[in-house]
Structure formats: C-alpha cells, structure tokens
Amino acid sequence: MLIIRLALALFLIVNISACAVNPSSNTYLVETKGPYTLDTGDVVRINVYGDKELSTNYRVDDAGSIAFPLVGSIPARGLTAQQISSNIALALANGYMRNPDVSVEIAEYRPFFIQGEVKAAGKFPYVYGMSVRAAISNAGGYTDVANRSYAIIYRLQGDEMIKGRVELDFPIYPGDTIVILDRWF
C-alpha cells in the first residue's frame, strides 16, 4: 500500500509541476537591441561646422543614400549616424575642406505601420522608445474584437523580413509593421 501511495504522490507531483511551466519567455525572433541604423525615409540633420550652407536636413532616398552637396551620393542604408558623419568628413576632406568637423543626428524617423483590429490603421510617425502599446494608442486603440494579449510584428533584419509574436510592451522600431489580430470568443 505504501508503494501505491508513493507512486500516486509522484504522479501528482509530476503532473502539477508540468502545469507550472511557463512556455512564454522574453526572447523574440526580432532584434531588440543595437544602434539605430538608417534606411529609406529617415531624415538626418547634418552639421558641417563653419559651413552653414551645407548644414541642413537631408532625407535618405529610395536607393538608401543621401545626396550631399560637393561630394554627391553618400550611402546611408544600414549605417549609424556616427558612421555617416565619418564618411561625410572623409569625402569633404578629399579636396573640399581641411579637417572638416561633421555631426549627424536623426531629425525624423521613418514611420511605422499598424493594421488589423485597431480603430485607425495606417502609417504613423515613430517616436524614439515606442512600444507596441504606444503604437496601438496612436492608432486610436483597439476595436471591440481585437486580441489584447499580444501582437504580430514584422521587421526587416538585414535582407530578411522577420515575423514575431510579441507582448504589448515590446519595443518597436521605425519601419516595423504591427498587426493586431482578432480574438476568438
């Protein structure tokens, strides 16, 4: 009888502990860290100290470049603001200026997109540090049938589009597409 009780207790412990396992984790298929890299649609403020005519805002074009006076097209896609600053300074130092001092900062991020069960799907301006929850607020909130537990996010990583199921506090980036699904009753 003691063996049956021990077997029953072991069986219950194993089954109860299996119920306590939390399959969700805070790891995502999409990147959440790293320096911001530029892409089409971003606007940068370039300051060339000592030259007010060159110091203005420039948009990253469809080819992923910035058309900069004197030196022509400067590749920007996939580069950080600091890398672009160095590239412009090198290009200007190549026969145009002596020891150019160049700084680059993000003036306007490219938009993010949200669709599905939100009141106003569409394209919205990105604000640094936004989460999925903030994006939903920008889109007017949920519809009555929206799934309010998670979202699907599409993010371009390198040359590959990555899809991930994320929690509402997940950080979004410019260019992301967020999909809010409907819930099953």
C-alpha atoms as a PDB file:
ATOM      1  CA  MET A   1       0.000   0.000   0.000  1.00  0.00           C
ATOM      2  CA  LEU A   2       2.893   2.330   0.737  1.00  0.00           C
ATOM      3  CA  ILE A   3       4.264   1.781  -2.769  1.00  0.00           C
ATOM      4  CA  ILE A   4       0.903   2.706  -4.331  1.00  0.00           C
ATOM      5  CA  ARG A   5       0.735   5.915  -2.248  1.00  0.00           C
ATOM      6  CA  LEU A   6       4.299   6.873  -3.211  1.00  0.00           C
ATOM      7  CA  ALA A   7       3.572   6.174  -6.887  1.00  0.00           C
ATOM      8  CA  LEU A   8       0.372   8.239  -6.706  1.00  0.00           C
ATOM      9  CA  ALA A   9       2.198  11.121  -4.962  1.00  0.00           C
ATOM     10  CA  LEU A  10       4.991  11.038  -7.544  1.00  0.00           C
ATOM     11  CA  PHE A  11       2.419  11.009 -10.362  1.00  0.00           C
ATOM     12  CA  LEU A  12       0.621  14.060  -8.889  1.00  0.00           C
ATOM     13  CA  ILE A  13       3.862  15.986  -8.324  1.00  0.00           C
ATOM     14  CA  VAL A  14       4.993  15.415 -11.897  1.00  0.00           C
ATOM     15  CA  ASN A  15       1.645  16.490 -13.335  1.00  0.00           C
ATOM     16  CA  ILE A  16       1.336  19.571 -11.115  1.00  0.00           C
ATOM     17  CA  SER A  17       4.898  20.697 -11.835  1.00  0.00           C
ATOM     18  CA  ALA A  18       4.245  20.336 -15.570  1.00  0.00           C
ATOM     19  CA  CYS A  19       1.325  22.757 -15.201  1.00  0.00           C
ATOM     20  CA  ALA A  20       3.612  25.328 -13.587  1.00  0.00           C
ATOM     21  CA  VAL A  21       5.917  25.587 -16.609  1.00  0.00           C
ATOM     22  CA  ASN A  22       5.558  28.942 -18.345  1.00  0.00           C
ATOM     23  CA  PRO A  23       6.121  28.440 -22.084  1.00  0.00           C
ATOM     24  CA  SER A  24       6.353  32.169 -22.806  1.00  0.00           C
ATOM     25  CA  SER A  25       9.670  33.900 -22.476  1.00  0.00           C
ATOM     26  CA  ASN A  26      11.102  37.325 -23.093  1.00  0.00           C
ATOM     27  CA  THR A  27      13.070  36.227 -26.146  1.00  0.00           C
ATOM     28  CA  TYR A  28      11.843  37.387 -29.510  1.00  0.00           C
ATOM     29  CA  LEU A  29      12.651  36.491 -33.077  1.00  0.00           C
ATOM     30  CA  VAL A  30      13.139  40.161 -33.900  1.00  0.00           C
ATOM     31  CA  GLU A  31      16.088  42.218 -32.701  1.00  0.00           C
ATOM     32  CA  THR A  32      15.509  44.492 -29.743  1.00  0.00           C
ATOM     33  CA  LYS A  33      18.977  45.960 -29.221  1.00  0.00           C
ATOM     34  CA  GLY A  34      21.747  47.604 -31.154  1.00  0.00           C
ATOM     35  CA  PRO A  35      22.470  51.067 -32.516  1.00  0.00           C
ATOM     36  CA  TYR A  36      19.876  52.619 -34.785  1.00  0.00           C
ATOM     37  CA  THR A  37      20.706  52.245 -38.470  1.00  0.00           C
ATOM     38  CA  LEU A  38      19.306  54.455 -41.191  1.00  0.00           C
ATOM     39  CA  ASP A  39      17.078  53.443 -44.065  1.00  0.00           C
ATOM     40  CA  THR A  40      14.833  54.976 -46.726  1.00  0.00           C
ATOM     41  CA  GLY A  41      12.596  57.711 -45.334  1.00  0.00           C
ATOM     42  CA  ASP A  42      14.765  58.756 -42.396  1.00  0.00           C
ATOM     43  CA  VAL A  43      15.703  62.434 -42.243  1.00  0.00           C
ATOM     44  CA  VAL A  44      19.074  63.411 -40.773  1.00  0.00           C
ATOM     45  CA  ARG A  45      20.376  66.786 -39.663  1.00  0.00           C
ATOM     46  CA  ILE A  46      23.948  67.187 -40.897  1.00  0.00           C
ATOM     47  CA  ASN A  47      26.049  69.943 -39.353  1.00  0.00           C
ATOM     48  CA  VAL A  48      29.303  70.908 -41.018  1.00  0.00           C
ATOM     49  CA  TYR A  49      30.892  73.304 -38.552  1.00  0.00           C
ATOM     50  CA  GLY A  50      31.945  76.505 -40.243  1.00  0.00           C
ATOM     51  CA  ASP A  51      29.687  76.000 -43.285  1.00  0.00           C
ATOM     52  CA  LYS A  52      26.054  76.995 -42.752  1.00  0.00           C
ATOM     53  CA  GLU A  53      25.116  76.263 -46.381  1.00  0.00           C
ATOM     54  CA  LEU A  54      25.922  72.548 -46.000  1.00  0.00           C
ATOM     55  CA  SER A  55      24.309  72.300 -42.561  1.00  0.00           C
ATOM     56  CA  THR A  56      20.678  71.286 -43.071  1.00  0.00           C
ATOM     57  CA  ASN A  57      18.296  68.311 -43.138  1.00  0.00           C
ATOM     58  CA  TYR A  58      18.730  65.532 -45.690  1.00  0.00           C
ATOM     59  CA  ARG A  59      16.366  62.631 -46.457  1.00  0.00           C
ATOM     60  CA  VAL A  60      17.627  59.106 -47.115  1.00  0.00           C
ATOM     61  CA  ASP A  61      16.375  58.360 -50.645  1.00  0.00           C
ATOM     62  CA  ASP A  62      14.910  55.163 -52.108  1.00  0.00           C
ATOM     63  CA  ALA A  63      18.396  53.931 -53.001  1.00  0.00           C
ATOM     64  CA  GLY A  64      19.445  54.292 -49.348  1.00  0.00           C
ATOM     65  CA  SER A  65      21.732  57.267 -49.952  1.00  0.00           C
ATOM     66  CA  ILE A  66      21.958  60.931 -49.027  1.00  0.00           C
ATOM     67  CA  ALA A  67      22.530  63.467 -51.825  1.00  0.00           C
ATOM     68  CA  PHE A  68      25.142  65.732 -50.241  1.00  0.00           C
ATOM     69  CA  PRO A  69      26.439  68.905 -51.963  1.00  0.00           C
ATOM     70  CA  LEU A  70      30.014  68.865 -53.284  1.00  0.00           C
ATOM     71  CA  VAL A  71      30.601  65.140 -52.731  1.00  0.00           C
ATOM     72  CA  GLY A  72      27.473  63.605 -54.291  1.00  0.00           C
ATOM     73  CA  SER A  73      25.695  60.492 -53.095  1.00  0.00           C
ATOM     74  CA  ILE A  74      26.681  59.167 -49.647  1.00  0.00           C
ATOM     75  CA  PRO A  75      25.498  55.608 -48.827  1.00  0.00           C
ATOM     76  CA  ALA A  76      23.400  55.621 -45.633  1.00  0.00           C
ATOM     77  CA  ARG A  77      21.294  52.442 -45.551  1.00  0.00           C
ATOM     78  CA  GLY A  78      22.349  50.193 -42.687  1.00  0.00           C
ATOM     79  CA  LEU A  79      24.781  52.732 -41.228  1.00  0.00           C
ATOM     80  CA  THR A  80      24.628  54.602 -37.939  1.00  0.00           C
ATOM     81  CA  ALA A  81      24.657  58.398 -37.710  1.00  0.00           C
ATOM     82  CA  GLN A  82      28.250  58.237 -36.425  1.00  0.00           C
ATOM     83  CA  GLN A  83      29.374  56.165 -39.428  1.00  0.00           C
ATOM     84  CA  ILE A  84      27.731  58.598 -41.857  1.00  0.00           C
ATOM     85  CA  SER A  85      29.381  61.510 -40.072  1.00  0.00           C
ATOM     86  CA  SER A  86      32.796  59.892 -40.573  1.00  0.00           C
ATOM     87  CA  ASN A  87      32.057  59.111 -44.251  1.00  0.00           C
ATOM     88  CA  ILE A  88      30.993  62.693 -45.000  1.00  0.00           C
ATOM     89  CA  ALA A  89      34.030  64.116 -43.204  1.00  0.00           C
ATOM     90  CA  LEU A  90      36.317  61.855 -45.258  1.00  0.00           C
ATOM     91  CA  ALA A  91      34.584  62.848 -48.501  1.00  0.00           C
ATOM     92  CA  LEU A  92      34.825  66.569 -47.667  1.00  0.00           C
ATOM     93  CA  ALA A  93      38.482  66.206 -46.680  1.00  0.00           C
ATOM     94  CA  ASN A  94      39.180  64.763 -50.131  1.00  0.00           C
ATOM     95  CA  GLY A  95      39.772  68.139 -51.797  1.00  0.00           C
ATOM     96  CA  TYR A  96      36.915  70.293 -50.457  1.00  0.00           C
ATOM     97  CA  MET A  97      37.743  71.217 -46.843  1.00  0.00           C
ATOM     98  CA  ARG A  98      40.646  70.967 -44.463  1.00  0.00           C
ATOM     99  CA  ASN A  99      39.833  68.977 -41.322  1.00  0.00           C
ATOM    100  CA  PRO A 100      36.029  69.085 -41.638  1.00  0.00           C
ATOM    101  CA  ASP A 101      34.076  68.658 -38.415  1.00  0.00           C
ATOM    102  CA  VAL A 102      30.790  66.909 -39.208  1.00  0.00           C
ATOM    103  CA  SER A 103      27.986  65.741 -36.944  1.00  0.00           C
ATOM    104  CA  VAL A 104      24.883  63.773 -37.906  1.00  0.00           C
ATOM    105  CA  GLU A 105      21.718  63.312 -35.853  1.00  0.00           C
ATOM    106  CA  ILE A 106      18.303  61.868 -36.575  1.00  0.00           C
ATOM    107  CA  ALA A 107      15.858  64.688 -37.328  1.00  0.00           C
ATOM    108  CA  GLU A 108      12.877  62.494 -38.243  1.00  0.00           C
ATOM    109  CA  TYR A 109      12.496  58.733 -38.086  1.00  0.00           C
ATOM    110  CA  ARG A 110      10.790  56.797 -40.861  1.00  0.00           C
ATOM    111  CA  PRO A 111       7.206  55.815 -39.973  1.00  0.00           C
ATOM    112  CA  PHE A 112       5.860  52.561 -38.576  1.00  0.00           C
ATOM    113  CA  PHE A 113       2.707  50.840 -39.798  1.00  0.00           C
ATOM    114  CA  ILE A 114      -0.149  49.248 -37.882  1.00  0.00           C
ATOM    115  CA  GLN A 115      -3.033  47.207 -39.237  1.00  0.00           C
ATOM    116  CA  GLY A 116      -5.716  44.803 -38.160  1.00  0.00           C
ATOM    117  CA  GLU A 117      -8.074  45.299 -35.244  1.00  0.00           C
ATOM    118  CA  VAL A 118      -7.291  48.936 -34.415  1.00  0.00           C
ATOM    119  CA  LYS A 119      -9.623  51.869 -34.962  1.00  0.00           C
ATOM    120  CA  ALA A 120      -7.372  53.776 -37.387  1.00  0.00           C
ATOM    121  CA  ALA A 121      -4.913  51.514 -39.202  1.00  0.00           C
ATOM    122  CA  GLY A 122      -2.200  53.190 -41.246  1.00  0.00           C
ATOM    123  CA  LYS A 123       1.191  54.880 -41.224  1.00  0.00           C
ATOM    124  CA  PHE A 124       2.282  56.844 -38.135  1.00  0.00           C
ATOM    125  CA  PRO A 125       5.347  58.872 -37.149  1.00  0.00           C
ATOM    126  CA  TYR A 126       7.774  56.999 -34.936  1.00  0.00           C
ATOM    127  CA  VAL A 127       8.900  58.451 -31.609  1.00  0.00           C
ATOM    128  CA  TYR A 128      12.069  57.081 -30.044  1.00  0.00           C
ATOM    129  CA  GLY A 129      11.369  54.413 -27.417  1.00  0.00           C
ATOM    130  CA  MET A 130       7.852  53.475 -28.580  1.00  0.00           C
ATOM    131  CA  SER A 131       6.270  50.175 -27.634  1.00  0.00           C
ATOM    132  CA  VAL A 132       3.513  48.165 -29.318  1.00  0.00           C
ATOM    133  CA  ARG A 133       1.114  49.558 -26.688  1.00  0.00           C
ATOM    134  CA  ALA A 134       2.010  53.156 -27.639  1.00  0.00           C
ATOM    135  CA  ALA A 135       1.571  52.328 -31.332  1.00  0.00           C
ATOM    136  CA  ILE A 136      -1.927  50.978 -30.635  1.00  0.00           C
ATOM    137  CA  SER A 137      -2.761  54.221 -28.830  1.00  0.00           C
ATOM    138  CA  ASN A 138      -1.593  56.213 -31.866  1.00  0.00           C
ATOM    139  CA  ALA A 139      -3.945  54.138 -34.000  1.00  0.00           C
ATOM    140  CA  GLY A 140      -6.964  55.081 -31.869  1.00  0.00           C
ATOM    141  CA  GLY A 141      -6.984  51.994 -29.667  1.00  0.00           C
ATOM    142  CA  TYR A 142      -8.450  48.546 -30.162  1.00  0.00           C
ATOM    143  CA  THR A 143     -11.642  47.589 -31.952  1.00  0.00           C
ATOM    144  CA  ASP A 144     -14.203  45.583 -29.979  1.00  0.00           C
ATOM    145  CA  VAL A 145     -12.953  42.244 -31.331  1.00  0.00           C
ATOM    146  CA  ALA A 146      -9.200  42.852 -31.003  1.00  0.00           C
ATOM    147  CA  ASN A 147      -6.890  40.397 -29.302  1.00  0.00           C
ATOM    148  CA  ARG A 148      -5.476  42.466 -26.431  1.00  0.00           C
ATOM    149  CA  SER A 149      -2.847  39.960 -25.285  1.00  0.00           C
ATOM    150  CA  TYR A 150      -0.185  40.136 -27.987  1.00  0.00           C
ATOM    151  CA  ALA A 151       0.651  41.473 -31.440  1.00  0.00           C
ATOM    152  CA  ILE A 152       2.433  40.236 -34.527  1.00  0.00           C
ATOM    153  CA  ILE A 153       5.367  42.346 -35.669  1.00  0.00           C
ATOM    154  CA  TYR A 154       7.197  42.291 -38.990  1.00  0.00           C
ATOM    155  CA  ARG A 155      10.708  43.736 -39.015  1.00  0.00           C
ATOM    156  CA  LEU A 156      13.350  43.850 -41.708  1.00  0.00           C
ATOM    157  CA  GLN A 157      16.618  42.460 -40.340  1.00  0.00           C
ATOM    158  CA  GLY A 158      19.337  42.670 -42.937  1.00  0.00           C
ATOM    159  CA  ASP A 159      17.772  41.376 -46.135  1.00  0.00           C
ATOM    160  CA  GLU A 160      15.204  39.196 -44.381  1.00  0.00           C
ATOM    161  CA  MET A 161      11.711  40.050 -43.146  1.00  0.00           C
ATOM    162  CA  ILE A 162      11.223  38.527 -39.688  1.00  0.00           C
ATOM    163  CA  LYS A 163       7.803  37.842 -38.154  1.00  0.00           C
ATOM    164  CA  GLY A 164       7.381  37.512 -34.402  1.00  0.00           C
ATOM    165  CA  ARG A 165       4.623  37.274 -31.822  1.00  0.00           C
ATOM    166  CA  VAL A 166       5.353  39.885 -29.160  1.00  0.00           C
ATOM    167  CA  GLU A 167       3.947  41.257 -25.932  1.00  0.00           C
ATOM    168  CA  LEU A 168       2.448  44.741 -25.785  1.00  0.00           C
ATOM    169  CA  ASP A 169       5.470  46.297 -24.074  1.00  0.00           C
ATOM    170  CA  PHE A 170       7.810  45.124 -26.839  1.00  0.00           C
ATOM    171  CA  PRO A 171       9.855  47.998 -28.325  1.00  0.00           C
ATOM    172  CA  ILE A 172       9.097  48.894 -31.936  1.00  0.00           C
ATOM    173  CA  TYR A 173      11.396  50.499 -34.493  1.00  0.00           C
ATOM    174  CA  PRO A 174      10.831  52.736 -37.481  1.00  0.00           C
ATOM    175  CA  GLY A 175       9.699  50.705 -40.465  1.00  0.00           C
ATOM    176  CA  ASP A 176       8.031  47.994 -38.353  1.00  0.00           C
ATOM    177  CA  THR A 177       4.610  46.667 -39.329  1.00  0.00           C
ATOM    178  CA  ILE A 178       2.390  45.734 -36.385  1.00  0.00           C
ATOM    179  CA  VAL A 179      -0.640  43.500 -36.860  1.00  0.00           C
ATOM    180  CA  ILE A 180      -3.370  43.258 -34.224  1.00  0.00           C
ATOM    181  CA  LEU A 181      -5.366  40.075 -34.731  1.00  0.00           C
ATOM    182  CA  ASP A 182      -8.958  39.453 -33.780  1.00  0.00           C
ATOM    183  CA  ARG A 183      -9.737  37.269 -30.794  1.00  0.00           C
ATOM    184  CA  TRP A 184     -11.704  34.062 -30.773  1.00  0.00           C
ATOM    185  CA  PHE A 185     -14.652  34.117 -28.436  1.00  0.00           C
END
